[in-house]
């Protein structure tokens, strides 16, 4: 049985997979360096999608936690789509 979890805990982000996908495979973030990606995570509300405790997806929300939110960097890794 597959166990899917959506987590707000930034410790659940597999940074290696995240950076690889955004900087090498996504159309919107090609060539973005790891430092920029890390800073964007630090300053956003992030969600990880885990399948059997394996990182398979991500979404990031830029927000003031009151009236503004912008959903971005949303993906599920190709092997899991």
N, C-alpha and C. Protein backbone atom coordinates (compact mmCIF):
# COMPACT_ATOMS: atom_id res chain seq x y z
N UNK A 1 0.85 -1.18 0.00
CA UNK A 1 0.00 0.00 0.00
C UNK A 1 0.89 1.24 0.00
N UNK A 2 0.56 2.17 -0.87
CA UNK A 2 1.34 3.40 -0.97
C UNK A 2 0.86 4.40 0.07
N UNK A 3 1.81 5.11 0.65
CA UNK A 3 1.52 6.09 1.68
C UNK A 3 1.97 7.46 1.18
N UNK A 4 1.02 8.34 0.88
CA UNK A 4 1.34 9.68 0.40
C UNK A 4 1.15 10.67 1.54
N UNK A 5 2.17 11.50 1.74
CA UNK A 5 2.14 12.53 2.78
C UNK A 5 2.47 13.87 2.13
N UNK A 6 1.74 14.91 2.51
CA UNK A 6 2.08 16.28 2.13
C UNK A 6 2.55 16.97 3.40
N UNK A 7 3.78 17.45 3.38
CA UNK A 7 4.43 17.96 4.58
C UNK A 7 4.86 19.42 4.41
N UNK A 8 4.67 20.21 5.48
CA UNK A 8 5.18 21.58 5.51
C UNK A 8 6.55 21.65 6.19
N UNK A 9 7.05 20.53 6.67
CA UNK A 9 8.34 20.50 7.36
C UNK A 9 9.46 20.57 6.32
N UNK A 10 10.24 21.63 6.37
CA UNK A 10 11.31 21.82 5.38
C UNK A 10 12.38 20.75 5.48
N UNK A 11 12.42 20.02 6.59
CA UNK A 11 13.36 18.91 6.72
C UNK A 11 13.02 17.77 5.76
N UNK A 12 11.79 17.74 5.27
CA UNK A 12 11.37 16.69 4.34
C UNK A 12 11.74 16.98 2.89
N UNK A 13 12.27 18.16 2.63
CA UNK A 13 12.68 18.52 1.27
C UNK A 13 13.99 17.80 0.95
N UNK A 14 14.01 17.04 -0.12
CA UNK A 14 15.26 16.44 -0.61
C UNK A 14 15.90 17.48 -1.52
N UNK A 15 16.82 18.25 -0.94
CA UNK A 15 17.40 19.39 -1.65
C UNK A 15 18.11 18.97 -2.93
N UNK A 16 18.76 17.83 -2.92
CA UNK A 16 19.45 17.35 -4.11
C UNK A 16 18.46 17.13 -5.26
N UNK A 17 17.36 16.44 -4.98
CA UNK A 17 16.34 16.20 -6.02
C UNK A 17 15.67 17.50 -6.44
N UNK A 18 15.40 18.38 -5.48
CA UNK A 18 14.74 19.65 -5.77
C UNK A 18 15.60 20.51 -6.69
N UNK A 19 16.85 20.67 -6.33
CA UNK A 19 17.77 21.51 -7.13
C UNK A 19 17.94 20.91 -8.52
N UNK A 20 18.12 19.60 -8.59
CA UNK A 20 18.29 18.96 -9.90
C UNK A 20 17.07 19.21 -10.78
N UNK A 21 15.88 19.01 -10.23
CA UNK A 21 14.68 19.19 -11.04
C UNK A 21 14.52 20.64 -11.49
N UNK A 22 14.59 21.57 -10.55
CA UNK A 22 14.36 22.97 -10.92
C UNK A 22 15.43 23.48 -11.87
N UNK A 23 16.69 23.23 -11.57
CA UNK A 23 17.78 23.85 -12.36
C UNK A 23 18.09 23.14 -13.67
N UNK A 24 17.70 21.87 -13.79
CA UNK A 24 18.06 21.13 -15.00
C UNK A 24 16.86 20.63 -15.81
N UNK A 25 15.72 20.40 -15.17
CA UNK A 25 14.61 19.77 -15.87
C UNK A 25 13.39 20.67 -16.07
N UNK A 26 13.18 21.64 -15.17
CA UNK A 26 12.00 22.50 -15.31
C UNK A 26 12.21 23.54 -16.41
N UNK A 27 11.13 23.98 -17.03
CA UNK A 27 11.25 25.03 -18.04
C UNK A 27 11.37 26.41 -17.39
N UNK A 28 10.87 26.57 -16.18
CA UNK A 28 10.85 27.88 -15.54
C UNK A 28 12.09 28.19 -14.72
N UNK A 29 12.87 27.19 -14.35
CA UNK A 29 14.00 27.44 -13.47
C UNK A 29 15.34 26.98 -13.99
N UNK A 30 15.41 26.66 -15.28
CA UNK A 30 16.66 26.17 -15.86
C UNK A 30 17.81 27.11 -15.50
N UNK A 31 18.90 26.50 -15.08
CA UNK A 31 20.15 27.20 -14.75
C UNK A 31 20.08 28.06 -13.49
N UNK A 32 19.02 27.92 -12.70
CA UNK A 32 18.98 28.62 -11.41
C UNK A 32 19.96 27.93 -10.48
N UNK A 33 20.81 28.71 -9.83
CA UNK A 33 21.82 28.07 -8.99
C UNK A 33 21.25 27.66 -7.64
N UNK A 34 21.95 26.73 -7.00
CA UNK A 34 21.50 26.15 -5.74
C UNK A 34 21.29 27.22 -4.67
N UNK A 35 22.15 28.22 -4.60
CA UNK A 35 22.02 29.26 -3.59
C UNK A 35 20.71 30.02 -3.69
N UNK A 36 20.30 30.32 -4.91
CA UNK A 36 19.02 31.02 -5.12
C UNK A 36 17.86 30.12 -4.70
N UNK A 37 17.93 28.85 -5.05
CA UNK A 37 16.86 27.92 -4.69
C UNK A 37 16.75 27.78 -3.17
N UNK A 38 17.90 27.65 -2.50
CA UNK A 38 17.90 27.54 -1.03
C UNK A 38 17.30 28.78 -0.40
N UNK A 39 17.68 29.95 -0.89
CA UNK A 39 17.15 31.21 -0.33
C UNK A 39 15.64 31.30 -0.56
N UNK A 40 15.18 30.86 -1.72
CA UNK A 40 13.74 30.90 -1.99
C UNK A 40 12.98 29.98 -1.04
N UNK A 41 13.57 28.85 -0.69
CA UNK A 41 12.93 27.93 0.27
C UNK A 41 12.89 28.57 1.66
N UNK A 42 13.99 29.17 2.06
CA UNK A 42 14.07 29.79 3.38
C UNK A 42 13.01 30.87 3.59
N UNK A 43 12.64 31.55 2.50
CA UNK A 43 11.73 32.69 2.59
C UNK A 43 10.32 32.40 2.10
N UNK A 44 9.94 31.14 2.05
CA UNK A 44 8.62 30.77 1.55
C UNK A 44 8.01 29.66 2.39
N UNK A 45 6.71 29.50 2.23
CA UNK A 45 6.00 28.37 2.80
C UNK A 45 6.11 27.24 1.78
N UNK A 46 6.67 26.12 2.18
CA UNK A 46 6.95 25.03 1.24
C UNK A 46 6.21 23.77 1.63
N UNK A 47 5.83 23.02 0.62
CA UNK A 47 5.19 21.72 0.81
C UNK A 47 5.97 20.67 0.03
N UNK A 48 6.23 19.56 0.68
CA UNK A 48 6.85 18.41 0.02
C UNK A 48 5.79 17.33 -0.12
N UNK A 49 5.86 16.60 -1.23
CA UNK A 49 5.02 15.43 -1.43
C UNK A 49 5.92 14.22 -1.26
N UNK A 50 5.55 13.34 -0.34
CA UNK A 50 6.34 12.15 -0.05
C UNK A 50 5.50 10.91 -0.35
N UNK A 51 6.11 9.97 -1.03
CA UNK A 51 5.49 8.68 -1.30
C UNK A 51 6.33 7.63 -0.60
N UNK A 52 5.75 6.98 0.39
CA UNK A 52 6.50 6.00 1.20
C UNK A 52 7.79 6.62 1.72
N UNK A 53 7.69 7.85 2.20
CA UNK A 53 8.80 8.64 2.77
C UNK A 53 9.86 9.05 1.76
N UNK A 54 9.56 8.93 0.47
CA UNK A 54 10.48 9.38 -0.58
C UNK A 54 9.94 10.67 -1.19
N UNK A 55 10.80 11.68 -1.32
CA UNK A 55 10.45 12.98 -1.89
C UNK A 55 10.12 12.80 -3.36
N UNK A 56 8.88 13.15 -3.75
CA UNK A 56 8.49 13.02 -5.16
C UNK A 56 7.89 14.30 -5.73
N UNK A 57 7.65 15.30 -4.89
CA UNK A 57 7.04 16.52 -5.40
C UNK A 57 7.21 17.69 -4.45
N UNK A 58 6.86 18.87 -4.95
CA UNK A 58 7.13 20.10 -4.21
C UNK A 58 6.19 21.20 -4.67
N UNK A 59 5.91 22.13 -3.78
CA UNK A 59 5.21 23.37 -4.11
C UNK A 59 5.70 24.44 -3.13
N UNK A 60 5.80 25.66 -3.64
CA UNK A 60 6.28 26.76 -2.81
C UNK A 60 5.27 27.89 -2.89
N UNK A 61 5.00 28.51 -1.73
CA UNK A 61 4.07 29.63 -1.68
C UNK A 61 4.80 30.85 -1.13
N UNK A 62 4.79 31.91 -1.90
CA UNK A 62 5.31 33.20 -1.45
C UNK A 62 4.12 33.90 -0.78
N UNK A 63 4.30 34.30 0.48
CA UNK A 63 3.15 34.82 1.22
C UNK A 63 3.56 35.80 2.32
N UNK A 64 2.62 36.65 2.69
CA UNK A 64 2.80 37.49 3.89
C UNK A 64 2.06 36.86 5.07
N UNK A 65 1.50 35.65 4.86
CA UNK A 65 0.76 34.90 5.87
C UNK A 65 -0.49 35.62 6.36
N UNK A 66 -0.95 36.59 5.57
CA UNK A 66 -2.14 37.33 5.97
C UNK A 66 -3.09 37.52 4.79
N UNK A 67 -2.65 38.25 3.78
CA UNK A 67 -3.56 38.59 2.68
C UNK A 67 -3.04 38.21 1.30
N UNK A 68 -1.78 37.85 1.21
CA UNK A 68 -1.17 37.59 -0.10
C UNK A 68 -0.55 36.20 -0.13
N UNK A 69 -0.78 35.50 -1.23
CA UNK A 69 -0.11 34.23 -1.48
C UNK A 69 0.04 34.02 -2.97
N UNK A 70 1.19 33.46 -3.35
CA UNK A 70 1.47 33.18 -4.75
C UNK A 70 2.06 31.78 -4.83
N UNK A 71 1.37 30.89 -5.50
CA UNK A 71 1.80 29.51 -5.63
C UNK A 71 2.77 29.39 -6.80
N UNK A 72 3.92 28.75 -6.56
CA UNK A 72 4.92 28.60 -7.62
C UNK A 72 5.75 27.34 -7.39
N UNK A 73 6.64 27.05 -8.34
CA UNK A 73 7.56 25.91 -8.26
C UNK A 73 6.84 24.62 -7.93
N UNK A 74 5.71 24.38 -8.57
CA UNK A 74 4.91 23.19 -8.31
C UNK A 74 5.32 22.09 -9.28
N UNK A 75 5.64 20.92 -8.73
CA UNK A 75 5.97 19.80 -9.61
C UNK A 75 5.86 18.47 -8.87
N UNK A 76 5.63 17.43 -9.66
CA UNK A 76 5.78 16.04 -9.26
C UNK A 76 6.86 15.49 -10.17
N UNK A 77 7.84 14.80 -9.62
CA UNK A 77 8.92 14.25 -10.43
C UNK A 77 8.34 13.35 -11.53
N UNK A 78 8.94 13.41 -12.73
CA UNK A 78 8.38 12.69 -13.89
C UNK A 78 8.08 11.21 -13.66
N UNK A 79 8.91 10.51 -12.92
CA UNK A 79 8.69 9.08 -12.68
C UNK A 79 7.41 8.80 -11.91
N UNK A 80 6.82 9.83 -11.29
CA UNK A 80 5.63 9.65 -10.44
C UNK A 80 4.39 10.33 -11.01
N UNK A 81 4.51 10.94 -12.17
CA UNK A 81 3.36 11.64 -12.75
C UNK A 81 2.36 10.65 -13.34
